[in-house]
Amino acid sequence: MRSAKNAVSPARVEALRILCRVEEDRAFADLALEAALERAKLPARDRALTTELVYGTLRWQRRLDWILTPHCRRKLERLDPWVRNLMRLTAYQLEFLYKVPAWAAVNEAVALAKRRSHGEAAPFVNAVLRSLTRSGGALPPLPDDPVEAAATRLAFPSWLARRWADRFGLAEAERLMTALDERPTVTVRVNTLKCTRASLVKRLVEEEEVACGATDYVAEGLELEAPGPAFKFKAFKEGWFTLQDEASILIGYLLAPRPGETVADVCAAPGTKSTHLAQLMENRGRLIALDQHPARLKLVAKAAARLDVGILECHAGRVEDLCPKFTARCDRVLVDAPCSNLGVIRRHPDVKWRAAEGALPSLAQSQRRILEAAVTMVKPGGTLVYATCSLEPEENEEVVLPFLAAHPEWRLDLPADFPIDPEPSGMLRFLPHRHGTDGFIAFRLRKS
């Protein structure tokens, strides 16, 4: 049993360690969290609290810094990273986790500071957090600039808030940022190669005591209510379902592969969309999965084995090098291009602080190269879908529309009776605040 004097929950210890790794080592939060939870072997309650503290602190990081600043005599950016992150995760508890008593959150932070620095930082941490609690929740003044104010209040980097305000208008940008600040629903795709949605619902209710609801747009989607780590469910391990957002599932429907066809996914890892394509093909035909990272391609093969997908073949290497081996052999090709991931911030809040506006042109250059290579795989009369989980024009319309202008043999192929109406440009835009999904943009093209 922990002594009352220096009691620190293992969840807070792990959360602080992960937050420091994300900031100092540029680690991806989801991977760092998964590794830490596997190593620490925490009980379910502490696993859940660690996850909440990590994602919540990252999600609200700028707002937390804004709240802390008036109570801190030193600039936050000049503090040791572990002190800064300790105060952030404690401020997150004080601001958002109402079940945690303020005194308990502060006491644990001070105890952790004593343990971490042999007591040297503890008085400073204690003074800042006690001052914050004495403020009674009073907030500092916001910046005068309305975009800066929204970015501060909703915890987004200024450059991203400003470009969304310029493109959508400030009110719409605020709705988008608000939706991306919400905890995402846990959405799964039923593996119809193994079961029906009804049989999976029955199994989840009986085995895991998890309630399920139908998704809005796809028949094989389910939303799970308070499920915990769904990847640990027996039904997951046996391949009855996989985790996948509804917008991501709709990308497979947009490509619309048929049984017996030859289909390629040229950026296949980790295999979520590839295995859905196999499902839509009823596990009949040929499914070619390409990825330049051999280690990540192993995830595709692992997912296929778990879900009983037997038509998938994996090829490691650069798309530009592999595509000539399949020239004009594919009925349909999916280009789920590597991107900034700015549409999936609600699932990966560290993307807010990792992404940079200056990186968008180089990403777009890579996306153009991938698209130019992938189109060579498509037969005359075949279909290609280009998609990203980014909402930025540089990565979407500024890649696809110039390609169409330069290649008259390709044209937009607008889907009929699709759940999301295409925009005048032919682009399909999935928006979290409008559709309740992750943010995606997609185009469907046909070769004459």
Protein backbone atom coordinates (compact mmCIF):
# COMPACT_ATOMS: atom_id res chain seq x y z
CA MET A 1 0.00 0.00 0.00
CA ARG A 2 1.26 3.51 -0.80
CA SER A 3 1.96 5.77 2.16
CA ALA A 4 -0.42 8.70 2.49
CA LYS A 5 2.47 11.13 2.60
CA ASN A 6 3.87 10.29 -0.81
CA ALA A 7 0.86 8.62 -2.41
CA VAL A 8 0.99 8.83 -6.20
CA SER A 9 -1.29 6.77 -8.38
CA PRO A 10 0.50 4.68 -11.02
CA ALA A 11 -1.87 6.16 -13.61
CA ARG A 12 -0.48 9.65 -13.04
CA VAL A 13 3.09 8.40 -13.04
CA GLU A 14 2.59 6.72 -16.41
CA ALA A 15 0.63 9.67 -17.83
CA LEU A 16 3.44 12.08 -16.95
CA ARG A 17 6.04 9.77 -18.46
CA ILE A 18 4.06 9.49 -21.71
CA LEU A 19 3.44 13.24 -21.97
CA CYS A 20 7.16 13.89 -21.59
CA ARG A 21 7.95 11.33 -24.27
CA VAL A 22 5.48 12.96 -26.65
CA GLU A 23 6.99 16.42 -26.08
CA GLU A 24 10.68 15.61 -25.79
CA ASP A 25 11.08 12.57 -28.06
CA ARG A 26 8.31 13.42 -30.55
CA ALA A 27 6.78 10.03 -29.75
CA PHE A 28 3.31 9.33 -31.10
CA ALA A 29 0.89 9.44 -28.18
CA ASP A 30 -1.09 6.34 -29.14
CA LEU A 31 2.04 4.20 -29.57
CA ALA A 32 3.68 5.55 -26.42
CA LEU A 33 0.47 4.93 -24.47
CA GLU A 34 0.08 1.39 -25.80
CA ALA A 35 3.69 0.53 -24.95
CA ALA A 36 3.46 2.05 -21.47
CA LEU A 37 0.23 0.26 -20.60
CA GLU A 38 1.63 -3.04 -21.84
CA ARG A 39 4.80 -2.59 -19.78
CA ALA A 40 3.15 -1.33 -16.59
CA LYS A 41 0.43 -4.02 -16.45
CA LEU A 42 -1.97 -1.61 -14.79
CA PRO A 43 -5.42 -2.69 -13.63
CA ALA A 44 -8.34 -1.64 -15.80
CA ARG A 45 -9.25 1.42 -13.71
CA ASP A 46 -5.71 2.81 -13.84
CA ARG A 47 -5.41 2.03 -17.56
CA ALA A 48 -8.55 4.06 -18.18
CA LEU A 49 -7.32 6.98 -16.06
CA THR A 50 -3.89 6.98 -17.75
CA THR A 51 -5.56 7.11 -21.16
CA GLU A 52 -7.89 9.91 -20.07
CA LEU A 53 -5.05 11.97 -18.60
CA VAL A 54 -2.80 11.61 -21.64
CA TYR A 55 -5.38 12.33 -24.32
CA GLY A 56 -7.20 14.97 -22.28
CA THR A 57 -4.02 16.89 -21.47
CA LEU A 58 -2.88 16.80 -25.09
CA ARG A 59 -6.34 17.72 -26.36
CA TRP A 60 -6.56 20.83 -24.16
CA GLN A 61 -2.86 21.71 -23.93
CA ARG A 62 -3.07 25.32 -25.11
CA ARG A 63 -6.10 26.05 -22.94
CA LEU A 64 -4.33 24.54 -19.92
CA ASP A 65 -1.28 26.72 -20.53
CA TRP A 66 -3.57 29.75 -20.74
CA ILE A 67 -5.16 28.83 -17.41
CA LEU A 68 -1.84 28.17 -15.70
CA THR A 69 0.08 31.22 -16.93
CA PRO A 70 -1.31 33.86 -14.49
CA HIS A 71 -0.39 31.65 -11.54
CA CYS A 72 3.15 30.91 -12.64
CA ARG A 73 5.96 33.42 -11.99
CA ARG A 74 8.16 31.72 -14.59
CA LYS A 75 7.31 31.29 -18.26
CA LEU A 76 5.90 27.82 -18.89
CA GLU A 77 8.11 27.28 -21.93
CA ARG A 78 11.21 27.73 -19.76
CA LEU A 79 10.28 25.06 -17.23
CA ASP A 80 11.64 21.54 -17.32
CA PRO A 81 9.32 19.53 -19.56
CA TRP A 82 8.31 17.18 -16.77
CA VAL A 83 7.32 20.11 -14.50
CA ARG A 84 5.32 21.72 -17.31
CA ASN A 85 3.55 18.47 -18.13
CA LEU A 86 2.89 17.68 -14.48
CA MET A 87 1.14 21.02 -14.05
CA ARG A 88 -0.77 20.54 -17.30
CA LEU A 89 -2.13 17.12 -16.36
CA THR A 90 -3.08 18.42 -12.91
CA ALA A 91 -4.78 21.47 -14.41
CA TYR A 92 -6.65 19.10 -16.73
CA GLN A 93 -7.97 17.21 -13.73
CA LEU A 94 -9.00 20.44 -12.01
CA GLU A 95 -10.70 21.82 -15.11
CA PHE A 96 -12.34 18.72 -16.60
CA LEU A 97 -12.38 15.72 -14.23
CA TYR A 98 -14.90 16.78 -11.66
CA LYS A 99 -14.86 13.46 -9.79
CA VAL A 100 -11.26 14.11 -8.72
CA PRO A 101 -11.18 16.37 -5.60
CA ALA A 102 -8.97 19.41 -6.14
CA TRP A 103 -6.95 18.78 -2.98
CA ALA A 104 -6.26 15.19 -4.04
CA ALA A 105 -5.07 16.21 -7.52
CA VAL A 106 -2.76 18.88 -6.08
CA ASN A 107 -1.40 16.61 -3.34
CA GLU A 108 -0.56 13.90 -5.84
CA ALA A 109 1.19 16.41 -8.10
CA VAL A 110 3.32 17.64 -5.20
CA ALA A 111 4.11 14.08 -4.15
CA LEU A 112 5.14 13.24 -7.68
CA ALA A 113 7.31 16.36 -7.85
CA LYS A 114 9.04 15.33 -4.61
CA ARG A 115 9.68 11.89 -5.99
CA ARG A 116 10.90 13.16 -9.35
CA SER A 117 13.22 15.95 -8.18
CA HIS A 118 14.05 14.99 -4.59
CA GLY A 119 11.73 17.79 -3.50
CA GLU A 120 13.39 20.67 -5.30
CA ALA A 121 10.48 21.44 -7.62
CA ALA A 122 7.73 20.56 -5.16
CA PRO A 123 7.31 24.02 -3.54
CA PHE A 124 7.02 25.67 -6.95
CA VAL A 125 4.48 23.11 -8.20
CA ASN A 126 2.52 23.43 -4.97
CA ALA A 127 2.44 27.25 -5.14
CA VAL A 128 1.24 27.35 -8.74
CA LEU A 129 -1.47 24.72 -8.29
CA ARG A 130 -2.70 26.11 -4.97
CA SER A 131 -3.00 29.53 -6.59
CA LEU A 132 -4.95 27.97 -9.44
CA THR A 133 -7.39 26.25 -7.06
CA ARG A 134 -7.87 29.46 -5.06
CA SER A 135 -8.94 31.24 -8.25
CA GLY A 136 -12.17 29.28 -8.09
CA GLY A 137 -12.25 28.57 -11.80
CA ALA A 138 -11.93 32.20 -12.85
CA LEU A 139 -10.43 32.38 -16.32
CA PRO A 140 -7.82 34.86 -17.57
CA PRO A 141 -8.78 37.36 -20.28
CA LEU A 142 -8.72 36.05 -23.83
CA PRO A 143 -6.71 37.67 -26.63
CA ASP A 144 -8.46 40.57 -28.38
CA ASP A 145 -8.12 38.94 -31.81
CA PRO A 146 -11.23 36.71 -32.25
CA VAL A 147 -9.34 33.93 -34.02
CA GLU A 148 -6.62 33.91 -31.36
CA ALA A 149 -9.33 33.89 -28.71
CA ALA A 150 -11.02 30.87 -30.31
CA ALA A 151 -7.70 29.07 -30.73
CA THR A 152 -6.86 29.67 -27.06
CA ARG A 153 -10.27 28.73 -25.69
CA LEU A 154 -10.58 25.61 -27.88
CA ALA A 155 -6.89 24.67 -27.66
CA PHE A 156 -5.71 24.77 -31.28
CA PRO A 157 -2.53 26.16 -32.80
CA SER A 158 -3.00 29.66 -34.17
CA TRP A 159 -1.99 28.79 -37.73
CA LEU A 160 -4.60 26.05 -38.01
CA ALA A 161 -7.40 28.06 -36.42
CA ARG A 162 -6.65 30.97 -38.75
CA ARG A 163 -6.63 28.93 -41.94
CA TRP A 164 -9.92 27.26 -40.99
CA ALA A 165 -11.46 30.63 -40.09
CA ASP A 166 -10.33 32.04 -43.45
CA ARG A 167 -11.75 29.06 -45.34
CA PHE A 168 -14.98 28.26 -43.47
CA GLY A 169 -15.68 31.48 -41.54
CA LEU A 170 -14.98 31.82 -37.83
CA ALA A 171 -18.31 30.42 -36.61
CA GLU A 172 -17.95 27.27 -38.74
CA ALA A 173 -14.29 26.93 -37.74
CA GLU A 174 -15.28 27.05 -34.09
CA ARG A 175 -17.85 24.29 -34.64
CA LEU A 176 -15.19 22.19 -36.36
CA MET A 177 -12.66 22.73 -33.57
CA THR A 178 -15.31 22.01 -30.93
CA ALA A 179 -16.15 18.69 -32.61
CA LEU A 180 -12.46 17.77 -32.82
CA ASP A 181 -12.13 18.47 -29.08
CA GLU A 182 -14.77 15.88 -28.23
CA ARG A 183 -13.89 12.38 -27.10
CA PRO A 184 -14.49 10.20 -30.17
CA THR A 185 -17.04 7.45 -30.21
CA VAL A 186 -15.73 3.89 -30.48
CA THR A 187 -16.90 2.71 -33.89
CA VAL A 188 -16.31 -0.80 -35.15
CA ARG A 189 -16.82 -2.58 -38.45
CA VAL A 190 -18.51 -5.94 -38.30
CA ASN A 191 -16.54 -8.57 -40.21
CA THR A 192 -19.30 -10.01 -42.38
CA LEU A 193 -16.91 -12.73 -43.53
CA LYS A 194 -17.39 -14.25 -40.07
CA CYS A 195 -20.62 -12.98 -38.56
CA THR A 196 -23.62 -10.69 -38.87
CA ARG A 197 -24.12 -7.41 -37.08
CA ALA A 198 -26.92 -8.98 -34.99
CA SER A 199 -24.74 -11.88 -33.89
CA LEU A 200 -21.89 -9.54 -32.94
CA VAL A 201 -24.25 -7.30 -30.94
CA LYS A 202 -25.51 -10.36 -29.05
CA ARG A 203 -21.99 -11.51 -28.31
CA LEU A 204 -20.77 -8.08 -27.13
CA VAL A 205 -23.77 -7.67 -24.84
CA GLU A 206 -23.47 -11.15 -23.35
CA GLU A 207 -19.67 -11.48 -23.12
CA GLU A 208 -18.52 -7.91 -22.51
CA GLU A 209 -21.71 -6.27 -21.18
CA VAL A 210 -21.25 -3.53 -23.78
CA ALA A 211 -24.27 -1.81 -25.30
CA CYS A 212 -24.15 -1.16 -29.07
CA GLY A 213 -25.95 1.14 -31.46
CA ALA A 214 -26.21 1.27 -35.22
CA THR A 215 -24.08 3.80 -37.09
CA ASP A 216 -25.69 6.43 -39.29
CA TYR A 217 -24.34 5.58 -42.74
CA VAL A 218 -23.13 1.97 -43.06
CA ALA A 219 -24.89 -1.32 -42.37
CA GLU A 220 -21.87 -3.09 -40.86
CA GLY A 221 -20.98 -0.30 -38.43
CA LEU A 222 -21.59 -0.27 -34.68
CA GLU A 223 -21.01 2.34 -32.01
CA LEU A 224 -19.99 0.87 -28.67
CA GLU A 225 -21.03 2.55 -25.43
CA ALA A 226 -18.28 2.83 -22.76
CA PRO A 227 -16.47 -0.25 -24.05
CA GLY A 228 -12.99 -0.02 -22.54
CA PRO A 229 -10.16 -1.43 -24.68
CA ALA A 230 -12.20 -3.14 -27.41
CA PHE A 231 -9.10 -4.70 -28.96
CA LYS A 232 -8.91 -6.94 -25.87
CA PHE A 233 -12.39 -8.38 -26.42
CA LYS A 234 -12.51 -12.05 -27.32
CA ALA A 235 -14.67 -11.25 -30.35
CA PHE A 236 -11.97 -8.86 -31.61
CA LYS A 237 -9.22 -11.44 -31.18
CA GLU A 238 -11.35 -13.97 -33.05
CA GLY A 239 -11.83 -11.55 -35.94
CA TRP A 240 -15.50 -10.73 -35.58
CA PHE A 241 -14.87 -7.00 -35.85
CA THR A 242 -12.22 -4.35 -36.24
CA LEU A 243 -12.01 -0.75 -35.06
CA GLN A 244 -12.81 1.68 -37.88
CA ASP A 245 -14.45 5.09 -38.08
CA GLU A 246 -17.53 5.40 -40.25
CA ALA A 247 -15.90 7.87 -42.67
CA SER A 248 -13.09 5.39 -43.20
CA ILE A 249 -15.62 2.63 -43.89
CA LEU A 250 -17.33 4.86 -46.45
CA ILE A 251 -14.06 5.17 -48.39
CA GLY A 252 -14.34 1.46 -49.14
CA TYR A 253 -17.90 1.90 -50.33
CA LEU A 254 -16.78 4.75 -52.55
CA LEU A 255 -14.28 2.46 -54.30
CA ALA A 256 -17.03 -0.20 -54.46
CA PRO A 257 -14.94 -3.30 -55.29
CA ARG A 258 -16.75 -6.37 -56.56
CA PRO A 259 -16.14 -10.08 -56.00
CA GLY A 260 -13.64 -11.51 -58.46
CA GLU A 261 -11.95 -8.19 -59.33
CA THR A 262 -8.30 -7.25 -59.01
CA VAL A 263 -8.03 -4.41 -56.50
CA ALA A 264 -5.02 -2.57 -55.04
CA ASP A 265 -4.51 -0.52 -51.90
CA VAL A 266 -1.25 1.32 -52.52
CA CYS A 267 -0.77 2.76 -49.00
CA ALA A 268 -2.19 -0.20 -47.17
CA ALA A 269 -0.80 -0.17 -43.61
CA PRO A 270 -2.16 -0.89 -41.08
CA GLY A 271 -4.72 -2.78 -43.17
CA THR A 272 -8.03 -1.45 -41.90
CA LYS A 273 -9.25 -0.32 -45.32
CA SER A 274 -7.59 -3.22 -47.14
CA THR A 275 -9.47 -5.79 -45.10
CA HIS A 276 -12.71 -3.90 -45.65
CA LEU A 277 -12.14 -4.05 -49.41
CA ALA A 278 -11.71 -7.82 -49.10
CA GLN A 279 -14.94 -7.96 -47.14
CA LEU A 280 -16.79 -6.04 -49.87
CA MET A 281 -15.26 -8.46 -52.41
CA GLU A 282 -16.64 -11.38 -50.37
CA ASN A 283 -13.08 -12.68 -50.13
CA ARG A 284 -13.06 -13.47 -53.85
CA GLY A 285 -10.63 -12.02 -56.37
CA ARG A 286 -7.15 -10.53 -55.90
CA LEU A 287 -6.28 -7.82 -53.40
CA ILE A 288 -2.83 -6.23 -53.71
CA ALA A 289 -1.52 -4.37 -50.66
CA LEU A 290 1.49 -2.08 -51.10
CA ASP A 291 3.40 -0.17 -48.45
CA GLN A 292 6.91 1.20 -48.34
CA HIS A 293 7.48 0.19 -44.70
CA PRO A 294 7.99 -3.59 -44.29
CA ALA A 295 7.33 -3.44 -40.55
CA ARG A 296 4.00 -1.70 -41.08
CA LEU A 297 3.12 -4.08 -43.90
CA LYS A 298 3.31 -6.90 -41.35
CA LEU A 299 0.37 -5.22 -39.61
CA VAL A 300 -1.65 -5.63 -42.81
CA ALA A 301 -0.87 -9.35 -42.97
CA LYS A 302 -1.67 -9.71 -39.27
CA ALA A 303 -5.03 -7.97 -39.68
CA ALA A 304 -5.85 -10.13 -42.71
CA ALA A 305 -5.06 -13.32 -40.80
CA ARG A 306 -7.20 -12.27 -37.82
CA LEU A 307 -10.15 -11.39 -40.06
CA ASP A 308 -9.84 -14.50 -42.26
CA VAL A 309 -9.01 -12.51 -45.41
CA GLY A 310 -7.50 -14.98 -47.87
CA ILE A 311 -7.15 -12.92 -51.05
CA LEU A 312 -4.61 -10.36 -49.88
CA GLU A 313 -0.99 -10.30 -51.08
CA CYS A 314 1.55 -7.89 -49.58
CA HIS A 315 4.38 -6.11 -51.42
CA ALA A 316 6.89 -3.88 -49.60
CA GLY A 317 8.54 -0.96 -51.33
CA ARG A 318 8.01 2.52 -52.70
CA VAL A 319 4.80 2.90 -54.67
CA GLU A 320 6.74 4.38 -57.59
CA ASP A 321 8.89 1.24 -57.75
CA LEU A 322 6.12 -1.33 -57.28
CA CYS A 323 3.35 0.06 -59.50
CA PRO A 324 5.06 -0.79 -62.84
CA LYS A 325 4.77 -4.47 -61.90
CA PHE A 326 0.98 -4.13 -62.05
CA THR A 327 0.53 -1.81 -65.03
CA ALA A 328 -3.10 -1.75 -66.20
CA ARG A 329 -3.97 -4.89 -64.21
CA CYS A 330 -6.33 -3.46 -61.60
CA ASP A 331 -10.05 -2.86 -61.83
CA ARG A 332 -9.92 -0.53 -58.83
CA VAL A 333 -7.17 1.21 -56.87
CA LEU A 334 -7.32 2.96 -53.52
CA VAL A 335 -4.87 5.76 -52.74
CA ASP A 336 -5.31 6.48 -49.03
CA ALA A 337 -2.40 8.89 -49.12
CA PRO A 338 -0.10 9.61 -46.16
CA CYS A 339 -1.06 13.06 -44.93
CA SER A 340 -0.98 15.56 -42.07
CA ASN A 341 -3.82 13.68 -40.26
CA LEU A 342 -5.48 16.98 -39.37
CA GLY A 343 -8.93 15.44 -39.83
CA VAL A 344 -8.44 12.86 -37.07
CA ILE A 345 -7.35 15.18 -34.26
CA ARG A 346 -10.15 13.95 -32.01
CA ARG A 347 -8.49 10.50 -32.02
CA HIS A 348 -4.90 11.76 -32.11
CA PRO A 349 -4.81 15.10 -30.26
CA ASP A 350 -1.00 15.26 -30.37
CA VAL A 351 -1.36 15.92 -34.12
CA LYS A 352 -2.37 19.49 -33.20
CA TRP A 353 1.07 20.17 -31.77
CA ARG A 354 3.03 17.92 -34.14
CA ALA A 355 1.75 19.22 -37.48
CA ALA A 356 3.24 22.30 -39.12
CA GLU A 357 1.81 24.46 -41.88
CA GLY A 358 5.21 24.51 -43.57
CA ALA A 359 5.11 20.73 -43.97
CA LEU A 360 2.01 20.75 -46.18
CA PRO A 361 3.81 21.48 -49.50
CA SER A 362 6.23 18.57 -49.06
CA LEU A 363 3.36 16.26 -48.14
CA ALA A 364 1.50 17.38 -51.26
CA GLN A 365 4.55 16.69 -53.41
CA SER A 366 4.71 13.14 -52.08
CA GLN A 367 0.96 12.69 -52.59
CA ARG A 368 1.27 13.76 -56.23
CA ARG A 369 4.04 11.22 -56.81
CA ILE A 370 1.95 8.45 -55.28
CA LEU A 371 -1.11 9.38 -57.33
CA GLU A 372 0.88 9.55 -60.59
CA ALA A 373 2.29 6.07 -59.89
CA ALA A 374 -0.98 4.53 -58.74
CA VAL A 375 -2.98 5.53 -61.83
CA THR A 376 -0.72 3.36 -64.00
CA MET A 377 -2.14 0.28 -62.27
CA VAL A 378 -5.71 0.96 -63.43
CA LYS A 379 -7.24 -0.76 -66.44
CA PRO A 380 -9.16 1.28 -69.04
CA GLY A 381 -12.63 1.79 -67.59
CA GLY A 382 -11.28 1.26 -64.08
CA THR A 383 -11.77 3.32 -60.93
CA LEU A 384 -9.40 5.07 -58.54
CA VAL A 385 -10.27 6.67 -55.21
CA TYR A 386 -7.92 9.28 -53.74
CA ALA A 387 -8.52 10.00 -50.04
CA THR A 388 -6.82 11.61 -47.06
CA CYS A 389 -7.75 12.12 -43.41
CA SER A 390 -6.84 15.77 -43.85
CA LEU A 391 -9.12 18.72 -44.60
CA GLU A 392 -6.41 20.87 -46.16
CA PRO A 393 -6.65 21.90 -49.85
CA GLU A 394 -2.92 21.40 -50.45
CA GLU A 395 -3.35 17.68 -49.78
CA ASN A 396 -6.62 17.18 -51.61
CA GLU A 397 -8.11 19.36 -54.36
CA GLU A 398 -4.73 20.92 -55.13
CA VAL A 399 -3.41 17.40 -55.80
CA VAL A 400 -6.37 15.89 -57.67
CA LEU A 401 -7.73 18.76 -59.78
CA PRO A 402 -4.37 19.63 -61.42
CA PHE A 403 -3.89 15.92 -62.09
CA LEU A 404 -7.23 15.77 -63.90
CA ALA A 405 -6.38 18.87 -65.93
CA ALA A 406 -3.14 17.24 -67.07
CA HIS A 407 -4.64 13.80 -67.80
CA PRO A 408 -7.74 14.02 -70.00
CA GLU A 409 -8.12 10.24 -69.97
CA TRP A 410 -9.26 10.58 -66.37
CA ARG A 411 -12.49 12.20 -65.18
CA LEU A 412 -14.43 12.65 -61.98
CA ASP A 413 -16.87 9.83 -61.35
CA LEU A 414 -19.44 11.19 -58.93
CA PRO A 415 -21.22 8.46 -56.95
CA ALA A 416 -24.98 8.09 -57.13
CA ASP A 417 -26.99 7.59 -53.94
CA PHE A 418 -23.96 8.04 -51.71
CA PRO A 419 -24.71 9.03 -48.08
CA ILE A 420 -22.61 12.21 -48.38
CA ASP A 421 -23.38 14.62 -51.22
CA PRO A 422 -20.35 15.62 -53.31
CA GLU A 423 -19.36 19.27 -53.49
CA PRO A 424 -19.43 21.15 -56.85
CA SER A 425 -15.75 20.29 -57.38
CA GLY A 426 -16.59 16.59 -57.16
CA MET A 427 -14.96 16.32 -53.77
CA LEU A 428 -16.54 14.37 -50.91
CA ARG A 429 -15.88 16.08 -47.59
CA PHE A 430 -16.62 14.32 -44.28
CA LEU A 431 -16.69 16.83 -41.42
CA PRO A 432 -16.83 15.91 -37.73
CA HIS A 433 -19.24 18.70 -36.78
CA ARG A 434 -21.63 17.91 -39.65
CA HIS A 435 -21.43 14.14 -40.02
CA GLY A 436 -20.19 12.95 -36.63
CA THR A 437 -17.27 11.16 -38.29
CA ASP A 438 -13.56 11.72 -38.56
CA GLY A 439 -12.50 14.35 -41.08
CA PHE A 440 -11.85 12.88 -44.52
CA ILE A 441 -11.76 14.13 -48.09
CA ALA A 442 -12.09 11.82 -51.09
CA PHE A 443 -12.38 11.90 -54.88
CA ARG A 444 -13.49 9.06 -57.17
CA LEU A 445 -11.95 9.04 -60.65
CA ARG A 446 -12.58 6.87 -63.70
CA LYS A 447 -10.21 6.06 -66.53
CA SER A 448 -11.59 6.16 -70.08
